[in-house]
Amino acid sequence: MNVSGHGISVEVPGGWEARVARHGEGAVLHLATFPLLETDGAYGAAATGRMRRGDAFASLVEYVDPVNIRAGVGLYAARRPPIPAYHEFAPMALQVTRAGQLGWQRFFTESGRTCCLYAVIKPGAERPERLVRRLASVLRTLRIES
């Protein structure tokens, strides 16, 4: 199923949820292997608190601040949505530290839009590398248009 809005789209496999909403002057996309709520916040602090073992969560947050943020410059120099690899996840990369969770975060520019992609996994019975591969597979379908 394709979920889209505000120039952002992603293919969502069965068993996953996604939603796109406004975030200030930009947009935010939430993607998860568990139910999402409208009150989860831009980086999903509430959502990640509901994660069970074997769950994955990702948030794409667009920042619009033409005075302080320039597309393709500094923190936003990377040019396309990055795809996470398991070895890049770490407990210190979490917005909210929770036992058993690992986080990953990257900033980039795509189609002239400055964004942050943040992901959290909570490994379970399956190998954590496989959980990240499943998340990466979904993120490869992410499209951001100007």
N, C-alpha and C. Protein backbone atom coordinates (compact mmCIF):
# COMPACT_ATOMS: atom_id res chain seq x y z
N MET A 1 0.84 -1.17 0.00
CA MET A 1 0.00 0.00 0.00
C MET A 1 0.90 1.24 0.00
N ASN A 2 0.54 2.21 -0.82
CA ASN A 2 1.28 3.47 -0.88
C ASN A 2 0.65 4.47 0.07
N VAL A 3 1.48 5.09 0.91
CA VAL A 3 1.02 6.16 1.78
C VAL A 3 1.75 7.42 1.32
N SER A 4 0.99 8.50 1.09
CA SER A 4 1.62 9.71 0.59
C SER A 4 0.92 10.95 1.12
N GLY A 5 1.66 12.05 1.07
CA GLY A 5 1.13 13.34 1.46
C GLY A 5 2.25 14.35 1.53
N HIS A 6 1.96 15.60 1.23
CA HIS A 6 2.92 16.69 1.35
C HIS A 6 4.21 16.42 0.57
N GLY A 7 4.09 15.72 -0.57
CA GLY A 7 5.25 15.45 -1.41
C GLY A 7 6.13 14.32 -0.95
N ILE A 8 5.66 13.53 0.01
CA ILE A 8 6.40 12.38 0.54
C ILE A 8 5.56 11.13 0.34
N SER A 9 6.19 10.06 -0.12
CA SER A 9 5.46 8.80 -0.27
C SER A 9 6.36 7.63 0.09
N VAL A 10 5.71 6.52 0.50
CA VAL A 10 6.43 5.30 0.85
C VAL A 10 5.49 4.12 0.61
N GLU A 11 6.08 3.01 0.18
CA GLU A 11 5.33 1.77 0.03
C GLU A 11 5.35 1.04 1.37
N VAL A 12 4.18 0.74 1.90
CA VAL A 12 4.06 0.16 3.23
C VAL A 12 3.64 -1.30 3.11
N PRO A 13 4.50 -2.22 3.54
CA PRO A 13 4.14 -3.65 3.45
C PRO A 13 3.11 -4.03 4.51
N GLY A 14 2.50 -5.19 4.32
CA GLY A 14 1.56 -5.70 5.31
C GLY A 14 2.21 -5.81 6.68
N GLY A 15 1.47 -5.47 7.71
CA GLY A 15 2.00 -5.53 9.07
C GLY A 15 2.70 -4.25 9.51
N TRP A 16 2.83 -3.28 8.62
CA TRP A 16 3.44 -1.98 8.94
C TRP A 16 2.36 -0.91 8.86
N GLU A 17 2.62 0.22 9.54
CA GLU A 17 1.75 1.39 9.44
C GLU A 17 2.60 2.58 9.05
N ALA A 18 1.97 3.55 8.39
CA ALA A 18 2.66 4.80 8.05
C ALA A 18 1.64 5.93 8.01
N ARG A 19 2.13 7.13 8.27
CA ARG A 19 1.31 8.32 8.13
C ARG A 19 2.20 9.51 7.83
N VAL A 20 1.67 10.44 7.05
CA VAL A 20 2.36 11.68 6.71
C VAL A 20 1.50 12.83 7.21
N ALA A 21 2.14 13.81 7.86
CA ALA A 21 1.40 14.95 8.39
C ALA A 21 2.25 16.21 8.26
N ARG A 22 1.64 17.35 8.51
CA ARG A 22 2.38 18.61 8.56
C ARG A 22 3.19 18.66 9.83
N HIS A 23 4.35 19.32 9.75
CA HIS A 23 5.22 19.55 10.91
C HIS A 23 5.75 20.97 10.76
N GLY A 24 5.13 21.91 11.46
CA GLY A 24 5.50 23.31 11.26
C GLY A 24 5.27 23.66 9.80
N GLU A 25 6.31 24.15 9.13
CA GLU A 25 6.20 24.48 7.71
C GLU A 25 6.59 23.30 6.83
N GLY A 26 7.07 22.23 7.43
CA GLY A 26 7.49 21.05 6.68
C GLY A 26 6.51 19.90 6.86
N ALA A 27 7.05 18.70 6.75
CA ALA A 27 6.23 17.50 6.87
C ALA A 27 6.95 16.48 7.74
N VAL A 28 6.19 15.51 8.23
CA VAL A 28 6.76 14.41 9.00
C VAL A 28 6.10 13.11 8.53
N LEU A 29 6.92 12.09 8.40
CA LEU A 29 6.45 10.74 8.06
C LEU A 29 6.80 9.83 9.22
N HIS A 30 5.85 9.06 9.68
CA HIS A 30 6.11 8.00 10.66
C HIS A 30 5.85 6.67 9.99
N LEU A 31 6.68 5.70 10.30
CA LEU A 31 6.60 4.36 9.74
C LEU A 31 6.94 3.38 10.85
N ALA A 32 6.10 2.35 11.04
CA ALA A 32 6.35 1.43 12.15
C ALA A 32 5.75 0.05 11.91
N THR A 33 6.27 -0.91 12.65
CA THR A 33 5.74 -2.27 12.62
C THR A 33 4.67 -2.48 13.68
N PHE A 34 4.19 -1.40 14.26
CA PHE A 34 3.18 -1.44 15.32
C PHE A 34 2.24 -0.25 15.13
N PRO A 35 1.10 -0.21 15.81
CA PRO A 35 0.14 0.89 15.62
C PRO A 35 0.71 2.26 15.98
N LEU A 36 0.43 3.23 15.12
CA LEU A 36 0.84 4.61 15.34
C LEU A 36 -0.34 5.44 15.83
N LEU A 37 -0.03 6.48 16.58
CA LEU A 37 -1.06 7.41 17.07
C LEU A 37 -0.74 8.80 16.55
N GLU A 38 -1.74 9.63 16.39
CA GLU A 38 -1.54 11.00 15.92
C GLU A 38 -0.74 11.83 16.92
N THR A 39 -0.69 11.42 18.16
CA THR A 39 -0.02 12.18 19.22
C THR A 39 1.42 11.73 19.46
N ASP A 40 2.02 11.00 18.53
CA ASP A 40 3.35 10.41 18.76
C ASP A 40 4.51 11.41 18.73
N GLY A 41 4.33 12.62 18.26
CA GLY A 41 5.40 13.61 18.21
C GLY A 41 6.30 13.38 17.00
N ALA A 42 7.01 14.43 16.59
CA ALA A 42 7.81 14.38 15.36
C ALA A 42 8.79 13.21 15.33
N TYR A 43 9.52 13.02 16.41
CA TYR A 43 10.51 11.93 16.45
C TYR A 43 9.98 10.67 17.11
N GLY A 44 8.70 10.62 17.38
CA GLY A 44 8.07 9.41 17.86
C GLY A 44 8.43 9.00 19.27
N ALA A 45 8.67 9.96 20.16
CA ALA A 45 9.04 9.62 21.54
C ALA A 45 7.97 8.74 22.19
N ALA A 46 6.71 9.06 21.97
CA ALA A 46 5.64 8.24 22.54
C ALA A 46 5.56 6.89 21.83
N ALA A 47 5.71 6.90 20.51
CA ALA A 47 5.64 5.66 19.73
C ALA A 47 6.72 4.68 20.16
N THR A 48 7.95 5.14 20.28
CA THR A 48 9.04 4.23 20.64
C THR A 48 8.88 3.69 22.06
N GLY A 49 8.12 4.39 22.88
CA GLY A 49 7.82 3.88 24.21
C GLY A 49 6.86 2.69 24.19
N ARG A 50 6.15 2.51 23.08
CA ARG A 50 5.22 1.39 22.93
C ARG A 50 5.84 0.20 22.18
N MET A 51 7.09 0.33 21.76
CA MET A 51 7.71 -0.74 20.97
C MET A 51 7.89 -2.01 21.79
N ARG A 52 7.65 -3.14 21.10
CA ARG A 52 7.92 -4.46 21.69
C ARG A 52 9.14 -5.04 21.00
N ARG A 53 9.64 -6.12 21.55
CA ARG A 53 10.79 -6.79 20.92
C ARG A 53 10.42 -7.17 19.48
N GLY A 54 11.34 -6.89 18.56
CA GLY A 54 11.11 -7.19 17.15
C GLY A 54 10.47 -6.06 16.37
N ASP A 55 10.23 -4.90 17.00
CA ASP A 55 9.61 -3.76 16.33
C ASP A 55 10.66 -2.81 15.74
N ALA A 56 10.21 -2.07 14.73
CA ALA A 56 11.03 -1.03 14.09
C ALA A 56 10.17 0.22 13.92
N PHE A 57 10.81 1.37 13.98
CA PHE A 57 10.14 2.66 13.82
C PHE A 57 11.07 3.58 13.04
N ALA A 58 10.50 4.42 12.19
CA ALA A 58 11.28 5.45 11.49
C ALA A 58 10.46 6.72 11.40
N SER A 59 11.16 7.83 11.47
CA SER A 59 10.53 9.14 11.34
C SER A 59 11.37 9.98 10.38
N LEU A 60 10.72 10.54 9.39
CA LEU A 60 11.35 11.49 8.49
C LEU A 60 10.79 12.86 8.86
N VAL A 61 11.66 13.77 9.26
CA VAL A 61 11.22 15.10 9.67
C VAL A 61 11.84 16.12 8.73
N GLU A 62 11.00 16.92 8.09
CA GLU A 62 11.48 17.98 7.21
C GLU A 62 11.59 19.27 8.01
N TYR A 63 12.72 19.98 7.82
CA TYR A 63 12.93 21.26 8.48
C TYR A 63 12.90 22.37 7.44
N VAL A 64 12.08 23.38 7.69
CA VAL A 64 12.00 24.54 6.80
C VAL A 64 12.36 25.77 7.63
N ASP A 65 13.55 26.30 7.36
CA ASP A 65 14.04 27.51 8.03
C ASP A 65 15.05 28.15 7.07
N PRO A 66 14.56 28.94 6.10
CA PRO A 66 15.43 29.47 5.06
C PRO A 66 16.54 30.38 5.57
N VAL A 67 16.42 30.89 6.77
CA VAL A 67 17.46 31.75 7.32
C VAL A 67 18.63 30.93 7.86
N ASN A 68 18.33 29.83 8.55
CA ASN A 68 19.37 29.06 9.24
C ASN A 68 19.72 27.72 8.60
N ILE A 69 18.88 27.21 7.71
CA ILE A 69 19.12 25.90 7.10
C ILE A 69 19.16 26.07 5.59
N ARG A 70 20.25 25.57 4.98
CA ARG A 70 20.38 25.64 3.52
C ARG A 70 20.49 24.24 2.95
N ALA A 71 19.69 23.96 1.96
CA ALA A 71 19.70 22.66 1.30
C ALA A 71 21.09 22.36 0.73
N GLY A 72 21.57 21.14 0.98
CA GLY A 72 22.84 20.70 0.42
C GLY A 72 24.08 21.26 1.09
N VAL A 73 23.92 21.92 2.24
CA VAL A 73 25.04 22.56 2.91
C VAL A 73 25.15 22.06 4.35
N GLY A 74 26.40 21.91 4.82
CA GLY A 74 26.66 21.55 6.21
C GLY A 74 25.99 20.24 6.61
N LEU A 75 25.23 20.28 7.68
CA LEU A 75 24.55 19.10 8.19
C LEU A 75 23.68 18.43 7.12
N TYR A 76 23.18 19.22 6.18
CA TYR A 76 22.27 18.71 5.15
C TYR A 76 22.97 18.49 3.80
N ALA A 77 24.28 18.29 3.81
CA ALA A 77 25.06 18.13 2.57
C ALA A 77 24.76 16.82 1.84
N ALA A 78 24.45 15.76 2.56
CA ALA A 78 24.13 14.47 1.90
C ALA A 78 22.94 14.68 0.98
N ARG A 79 22.91 13.96 -0.15
CA ARG A 79 21.93 14.24 -1.18
C ARG A 79 20.73 13.33 -1.30
N ARG A 80 20.67 12.22 -0.68
CA ARG A 80 19.48 11.38 -0.83
C ARG A 80 19.18 10.71 0.50
N PRO A 81 17.97 10.22 0.69
CA PRO A 81 17.68 9.56 1.97
C PRO A 81 18.62 8.38 2.18
N PRO A 82 19.38 8.41 3.24
CA PRO A 82 20.30 7.32 3.53
C PRO A 82 19.56 6.06 3.95
N ILE A 83 20.18 4.92 3.74
CA ILE A 83 19.61 3.64 4.13
C ILE A 83 20.45 3.10 5.29
N PRO A 84 19.83 2.80 6.42
CA PRO A 84 20.61 2.35 7.58
C PRO A 84 21.14 0.92 7.43
N ALA A 85 22.27 0.70 8.08
CA ALA A 85 22.87 -0.64 8.20
C ALA A 85 22.92 -0.96 9.69
N TYR A 86 22.81 -2.22 10.03
CA TYR A 86 22.74 -2.61 11.44
C TYR A 86 23.91 -2.08 12.26
N HIS A 87 25.13 -2.16 11.72
CA HIS A 87 26.31 -1.75 12.49
C HIS A 87 26.30 -0.25 12.83
N GLU A 88 25.40 0.53 12.20
CA GLU A 88 25.31 1.97 12.47
C GLU A 88 24.36 2.30 13.62
N PHE A 89 23.58 1.34 14.08
CA PHE A 89 22.64 1.57 15.18
C PHE A 89 23.38 1.52 16.51
N ALA A 90 22.97 2.41 17.43
CA ALA A 90 23.62 2.45 18.74
C ALA A 90 22.65 3.01 19.79
N PRO A 91 22.82 2.61 21.05
CA PRO A 91 21.95 3.14 22.11
C PRO A 91 22.12 4.66 22.29
N MET A 92 23.31 5.19 22.02
CA MET A 92 23.56 6.62 22.20
C MET A 92 22.91 7.47 21.10
N ALA A 93 22.38 6.86 20.06
CA ALA A 93 21.74 7.59 18.97
C ALA A 93 20.24 7.76 19.20
N LEU A 94 19.73 7.32 20.34
CA LEU A 94 18.31 7.43 20.64
C LEU A 94 17.94 8.83 21.11
N GLN A 95 16.79 9.32 20.68
CA GLN A 95 16.27 10.59 21.21
C GLN A 95 15.89 10.42 22.68
N VAL A 96 15.26 9.28 22.98
CA VAL A 96 14.91 8.92 24.35
C VAL A 96 15.51 7.54 24.61
N THR A 97 16.43 7.45 25.56
CA THR A 97 17.10 6.18 25.83
C THR A 97 16.16 5.22 26.53
N ARG A 98 16.05 4.02 25.92
CA ARG A 98 15.21 2.97 26.50
C ARG A 98 15.95 1.65 26.39
N ALA A 99 15.87 0.85 27.43
CA ALA A 99 16.55 -0.44 27.46
C ALA A 99 16.14 -1.30 26.27
N GLY A 100 17.12 -1.90 25.62
CA GLY A 100 16.87 -2.82 24.52
C GLY A 100 16.69 -2.16 23.17
N GLN A 101 16.68 -0.82 23.13
CA GLN A 101 16.48 -0.13 21.86
C GLN A 101 17.81 0.40 21.31
N LEU A 102 17.88 0.49 19.97
CA LEU A 102 19.03 1.05 19.28
C LEU A 102 18.53 2.09 18.29
N GLY A 103 19.27 3.18 18.14
CA GLY A 103 18.84 4.24 17.25
C GLY A 103 19.84 4.56 16.16
N TRP A 104 19.38 5.31 15.20
CA TRP A 104 20.17 5.73 14.03
C TRP A 104 19.57 7.03 13.53
N GLN A 105 20.41 7.98 13.11
CA GLN A 105 19.90 9.27 12.66
C GLN A 105 20.83 9.87 11.61
N ARG A 106 20.25 10.41 10.52
CA ARG A 106 21.02 11.05 9.47
C ARG A 106 20.25 12.26 8.94
N PHE A 107 21.00 13.29 8.53
CA PHE A 107 20.45 14.49 7.93
C PHE A 107 20.82 14.50 6.45
N PHE A 108 19.96 15.08 5.60
CA PHE A 108 20.22 15.08 4.17
C PHE A 108 19.31 16.07 3.47
N THR A 109 19.57 16.26 2.19
CA THR A 109 18.72 17.07 1.32
C THR A 109 18.23 16.19 0.18
N GLU A 110 16.96 16.25 -0.11
CA GLU A 110 16.39 15.54 -1.25
C GLU A 110 15.37 16.46 -1.92
N SER A 111 15.49 16.63 -3.21
CA SER A 111 14.58 17.50 -3.98
C SER A 111 14.50 18.90 -3.38
N GLY A 112 15.62 19.39 -2.87
CA GLY A 112 15.68 20.72 -2.29
C GLY A 112 15.07 20.83 -0.90
N ARG A 113 14.68 19.69 -0.32
CA ARG A 113 14.06 19.69 1.02
C ARG A 113 15.05 19.14 2.04
N THR A 114 15.20 19.84 3.15
CA THR A 114 16.14 19.46 4.20
C THR A 114 15.43 18.60 5.23
N CYS A 115 15.99 17.41 5.47
CA CYS A 115 15.30 16.41 6.29
C CYS A 115 16.24 15.70 7.25
N CYS A 116 15.63 15.09 8.25
CA CYS A 116 16.31 14.18 9.17
C CYS A 116 15.55 12.86 9.12
N LEU A 117 16.29 11.78 8.98
CA LEU A 117 15.70 10.45 9.03
C LEU A 117 16.21 9.79 10.30
N TYR A 118 15.28 9.38 11.15
CA TYR A 118 15.58 8.81 12.46
C TYR A 118 14.92 7.44 12.54
N ALA A 119 15.65 6.44 13.01
CA ALA A 119 15.08 5.09 13.10
C ALA A 119 15.43 4.47 14.45
N VAL A 120 14.53 3.63 14.94
CA VAL A 120 14.73 2.91 16.20
C VAL A 120 14.34 1.46 15.97
N ILE A 121 15.15 0.55 16.49
CA ILE A 121 14.79 -0.87 16.48
C ILE A 121 14.84 -1.39 17.91
N LYS A 122 14.05 -2.40 18.15
CA LYS A 122 14.09 -3.11 19.43
C LYS A 122 14.20 -4.59 19.07
N PRO A 123 15.44 -5.08 18.96
CA PRO A 123 15.64 -6.46 18.53
C PRO A 123 14.88 -7.45 19.40
N GLY A 124 14.44 -8.52 18.74
CA GLY A 124 13.69 -9.58 19.41
C GLY A 124 14.28 -10.92 19.07
N ALA A 125 13.42 -11.88 18.78
CA ALA A 125 13.85 -13.24 18.50
C ALA A 125 14.62 -13.35 17.19
N GLU A 126 14.23 -12.56 16.17
CA GLU A 126 14.97 -12.62 14.91
C GLU A 126 16.30 -11.87 15.04
N ARG A 127 17.22 -12.19 14.19
CA ARG A 127 18.51 -11.51 14.21
C ARG A 127 18.29 -10.02 13.95
N PRO A 128 18.94 -9.15 14.72
CA PRO A 128 18.72 -7.71 14.53
C PRO A 128 19.09 -7.22 13.13
N GLU A 129 20.05 -7.88 12.50
CA GLU A 129 20.43 -7.50 11.13
C GLU A 129 19.24 -7.67 10.19
N ARG A 130 18.46 -8.72 10.40
CA ARG A 130 17.28 -8.97 9.56
C ARG A 130 16.22 -7.89 9.78
N LEU A 131 16.03 -7.47 11.02
CA LEU A 131 15.07 -6.41 11.32
C LEU A 131 15.49 -5.13 10.60
N VAL A 132 16.76 -4.80 10.62
CA VAL A 132 17.24 -3.59 9.94
C VAL A 132 17.09 -3.75 8.43
N ARG A 133 17.33 -4.93 7.89
CA ARG A 133 17.14 -5.15 6.45
C ARG A 133 15.68 -4.94 6.05
N ARG A 134 14.75 -5.39 6.90
CA ARG A 134 13.33 -5.17 6.62
C ARG A 134 13.00 -3.68 6.61
N LEU A 135 13.53 -2.96 7.60
CA LEU A 135 13.32 -1.51 7.67
C LEU A 135 13.95 -0.84 6.45
N ALA A 136 15.17 -1.22 6.12
CA ALA A 136 15.87 -0.62 4.97
C ALA A 136 15.09 -0.87 3.67
N SER A 137 14.50 -2.04 3.54
CA SER A 137 13.72 -2.37 2.36
C SER A 137 12.55 -1.40 2.19
N VAL A 138 11.89 -1.07 3.27
CA VAL A 138 10.78 -0.11 3.20
C VAL A 138 11.32 1.28 2.90
N LEU A 139 12.41 1.68 3.55
CA LEU A 139 12.96 3.01 3.34
C LEU A 139 13.45 3.22 1.91
N ARG A 140 13.83 2.15 1.23
CA ARG A 140 14.24 2.28 -0.18
C ARG A 140 13.09 2.75 -1.06
N THR A 141 11.86 2.58 -0.61
CA THR A 141 10.70 3.02 -1.40
C THR A 141 10.32 4.47 -1.11
N LEU A 142 11.00 5.10 -0.17
CA LEU A 142 10.72 6.47 0.22
C LEU A 142 10.99 7.42 -0.94
N ARG A 143 10.03 8.30 -1.24
CA ARG A 143 10.18 9.29 -2.28
C ARG A 143 9.85 10.66 -1.70
N ILE A 144 10.70 11.62 -2.01
CA ILE A 144 10.51 13.00 -1.55
C ILE A 144 10.55 13.89 -2.77
N GLU A 145 9.48 14.61 -3.02
CA GLU A 145 9.39 15.49 -4.19
C GLU A 145 9.41 16.94 -3.75
N SER A 146 9.86 17.81 -4.64
CA SER A 146 9.92 19.24 -4.31
C SER A 146 8.54 19.87 -4.31
